[in-house]
Amino acid sequence: MYQTDMYEGMIAETVMMPGAGGELINAYFARPLGPGPFPSMVLIHHAPGWDEWYREATRKFAHHGYASLSPNLYYRAGHGTPEDVGAKVRAEKGVADDQVVGDLEGAMRYLRSLPISNGKVGIFGTCSGGRHAFLTACRVQGFDACIDCWGGRVVMSPEELHPKQPVAPIDYTKDLSCPLLGIFGNEDRNPTPEQVDLHEAELQKYGKNYEFHRYPNAGHGFFYYDRPAYRQEQAVDGWKKIFAFLDTYLPV
């Protein structure tokens, strides 16, 4: 717990890291100053892009004691403003799940290779990043904790599947290899409360270690203070739930 006489500092910068297939992509890296060892977090940006909110979130985790890395999943689509690149990727039906999983596995390996690492790595994402967090924690062995904030399209109908997203993440539930925290708004339409129910039922079916928190009067993206969806009370409590979860499974 923070005390007012503690030394505090961090470094934050853009780095290059090996992603899917060993291809180098850029990522935003923030870590506490000092020798560590520190636990680590992979942060997965949302569909609007690799934007300022995710830089702030990366620094927030670093402030709480985690070496934190947010890969640019849209690196191969070219460069420009996050909004322009995000719009281009969405017009192309997103990034292929296999490529995303490869990039996130690369981020995990990058963090674990650092001399300041204590070997523990969690994964966090919101919106499409929440979907990717759950998908990756199911398909890749080695994560120690997973946080899915309102990840849509975990539950998918057969009509929603396409070559870039050929399998619904919920169908990988049996392979989930770490504890899962889910944060959801009851007014969300993607995922709907009914889809969250299906997700939870599948986790129970396979006896997975999870906890879900569902917030009334909150919809999609209620952590985003710069958007009309922001809900201050629910967002503050959601962040408390996140760090309490990490204190249990990825303690600093």
Foldseek 3Di string as FASTA:
>chain_A
DDDPVDDWDKDKDKDWFQFAPRDIFIKIKMATDDLALFAAEEEEEALQFPADVVNVVNVVVRRVTHTYIYTGLLRVQDDDHSNVSSVVQVVVVHAALSRLLRRVVRVLVVQCPDSSHPQAYEYEYAACSLQSQLLNLLVDPRHAETERELHFQLPDDCVPADRSRNDRVLVSLLRRDYEYEYEAEQAEVRPHPVVVVVSVVSNVVNVGHYDYDYHYPAYGPCLPPVDPRHDVVSNVVVVVVVVVVCCVGPND
